[in-house]
Amino acid sequence: MPLDAIFVSPRWGPMCLRWAFVHMHGEYARHNGHADILRERVDGTVGT
């Protein structure tokens, strides 16, 4: 499907596939950041 394909979400209404991919990418990055913070608290190492 092209990224400009439109679909209808029951929750948010019509949107393009591009928006859905960008949104999911941001959510994935945010959750990875949360996991990194938890890991730093557990093992004490920063970065990496």
N, C-alpha and C. Protein backbone atom coordinates (compact mmCIF):
# COMPACT_ATOMS: atom_id res chain seq x y z
N MET A 1 0.84 -1.18 0.00
CA MET A 1 0.00 0.00 0.00
C MET A 1 0.89 1.25 0.00
N PRO A 2 0.48 2.29 -0.69
CA PRO A 2 1.24 3.55 -0.64
C PRO A 2 1.05 4.24 0.71
N LEU A 3 2.04 5.03 1.08
CA LEU A 3 1.97 5.71 2.37
C LEU A 3 0.84 6.73 2.43
N ASP A 4 0.36 7.16 1.28
CA ASP A 4 -0.75 8.12 1.26
C ASP A 4 -2.11 7.45 1.27
N ALA A 5 -2.14 6.12 1.39
CA ALA A 5 -3.40 5.39 1.45
C ALA A 5 -4.18 5.84 2.69
N ILE A 6 -5.46 6.03 2.53
CA ILE A 6 -6.33 6.48 3.62
C ILE A 6 -7.10 5.28 4.17
N PHE A 7 -7.16 5.19 5.48
CA PHE A 7 -8.01 4.20 6.12
C PHE A 7 -8.79 4.89 7.23
N VAL A 8 -9.82 4.24 7.72
CA VAL A 8 -10.67 4.84 8.74
C VAL A 8 -10.48 4.09 10.05
N SER A 9 -10.05 4.82 11.06
CA SER A 9 -9.91 4.26 12.40
C SER A 9 -11.20 4.53 13.17
N PRO A 10 -11.72 3.53 13.86
CA PRO A 10 -12.93 3.76 14.64
C PRO A 10 -12.73 4.83 15.71
N ARG A 11 -11.51 4.95 16.18
CA ARG A 11 -11.23 5.90 17.27
C ARG A 11 -10.92 7.30 16.76
N TRP A 12 -10.09 7.42 15.68
CA TRP A 12 -9.63 8.73 15.23
C TRP A 12 -10.18 9.15 13.87
N GLY A 13 -10.94 8.31 13.22
CA GLY A 13 -11.50 8.66 11.91
C GLY A 13 -10.50 8.42 10.78
N PRO A 14 -10.68 9.11 9.64
CA PRO A 14 -9.80 8.88 8.50
C PRO A 14 -8.38 9.38 8.74
N MET A 15 -7.41 8.59 8.32
CA MET A 15 -6.01 8.99 8.42
C MET A 15 -5.20 8.24 7.38
N CYS A 16 -4.02 8.77 7.08
CA CYS A 16 -3.19 8.11 6.09
C CYS A 16 -2.23 7.14 6.78
N LEU A 17 -1.78 6.17 6.00
CA LEU A 17 -0.86 5.17 6.50
C LEU A 17 0.44 5.81 6.98
N ARG A 18 0.88 6.88 6.33
CA ARG A 18 2.10 7.58 6.72
C ARG A 18 1.99 8.07 8.18
N TRP A 19 0.84 8.67 8.52
CA TRP A 19 0.64 9.16 9.89
C TRP A 19 0.73 8.00 10.88
N ALA A 20 0.11 6.86 10.55
CA ALA A 20 0.13 5.71 11.46
C ALA A 20 1.55 5.22 11.69
N PHE A 21 2.37 5.14 10.61
CA PHE A 21 3.75 4.70 10.76
C PHE A 21 4.56 5.67 11.60
N VAL A 22 4.40 6.96 11.38
CA VAL A 22 5.14 7.96 12.16
C VAL A 22 4.74 7.90 13.63
N HIS A 23 3.45 7.76 13.87
CA HIS A 23 2.95 7.66 15.25
C HIS A 23 3.51 6.43 15.95
N MET A 24 3.50 5.28 15.28
CA MET A 24 4.00 4.05 15.87
C MET A 24 5.51 4.12 16.12
N HIS A 25 6.23 4.76 15.23
CA HIS A 25 7.67 4.95 15.40
C HIS A 25 7.94 5.76 16.67
N GLY A 26 7.19 6.85 16.86
CA GLY A 26 7.35 7.67 18.05
C GLY A 26 7.02 6.92 19.33
N GLU A 27 5.95 6.15 19.29
CA GLU A 27 5.56 5.36 20.47
C GLU A 27 6.63 4.33 20.81
N TYR A 28 7.16 3.67 19.80
CA TYR A 28 8.21 2.66 20.00
C TYR A 28 9.44 3.31 20.64
N ALA A 29 9.84 4.46 20.12
CA ALA A 29 11.00 5.17 20.66
C ALA A 29 10.76 5.59 22.11
N ARG A 30 9.57 6.06 22.40
CA ARG A 30 9.24 6.50 23.76
C ARG A 30 9.33 5.34 24.75
N HIS A 31 8.79 4.18 24.36
CA HIS A 31 8.83 3.02 25.25
C HIS A 31 10.25 2.50 25.42
N ASN A 32 11.06 2.57 24.37
CA ASN A 32 12.46 2.17 24.50
C ASN A 32 13.17 3.10 25.48
N GLY A 33 12.85 4.38 25.46
CA GLY A 33 13.43 5.33 26.41
C GLY A 33 13.04 5.00 27.84
N HIS A 34 11.79 4.61 28.04
CA HIS A 34 11.34 4.24 29.38
C HIS A 34 12.08 2.99 29.87
N ALA A 35 12.25 2.01 28.98
CA ALA A 35 12.96 0.79 29.35
C ALA A 35 14.41 1.10 29.69
N ASP A 36 15.02 2.03 28.95
CA ASP A 36 16.41 2.41 29.21
C ASP A 36 16.55 3.06 30.59
N ILE A 37 15.60 3.89 30.95
CA ILE A 37 15.62 4.52 32.28
C ILE A 37 15.52 3.46 33.37
N LEU A 38 14.63 2.49 33.19
CA LEU A 38 14.49 1.42 34.18
C LEU A 38 15.77 0.59 34.28
N ARG A 39 16.37 0.29 33.13
CA ARG A 39 17.62 -0.48 33.14
C ARG A 39 18.72 0.27 33.87
N GLU A 40 18.82 1.58 33.63
CA GLU A 40 19.83 2.38 34.32
C GLU A 40 19.61 2.35 35.83
N ARG A 41 18.37 2.38 36.26
CA ARG A 41 18.08 2.34 37.71
C ARG A 41 18.46 0.99 38.30
N VAL A 42 18.30 -0.08 37.52
CA VAL A 42 18.56 -1.43 38.04
C VAL A 42 20.06 -1.72 38.09
N ASP A 43 20.76 -1.48 36.97
CA ASP A 43 22.18 -1.90 36.93
C ASP A 43 23.17 -0.75 37.09
N GLY A 44 22.69 0.50 37.10
CA GLY A 44 23.55 1.63 37.38
C GLY A 44 24.40 2.14 36.23
N THR A 45 24.41 1.43 35.10
CA THR A 45 25.20 1.91 33.97
C THR A 45 24.41 2.94 33.17
N VAL A 46 25.10 3.93 32.65
CA VAL A 46 24.46 5.00 31.89
C VAL A 46 24.96 4.94 30.45
N GLY A 47 24.06 5.18 29.51
CA GLY A 47 24.45 5.16 28.10
C GLY A 47 24.42 3.77 27.53
N THR A 48 25.25 3.53 26.56
CA THR A 48 25.39 2.26 25.87
C THR A 48 24.13 1.77 25.26
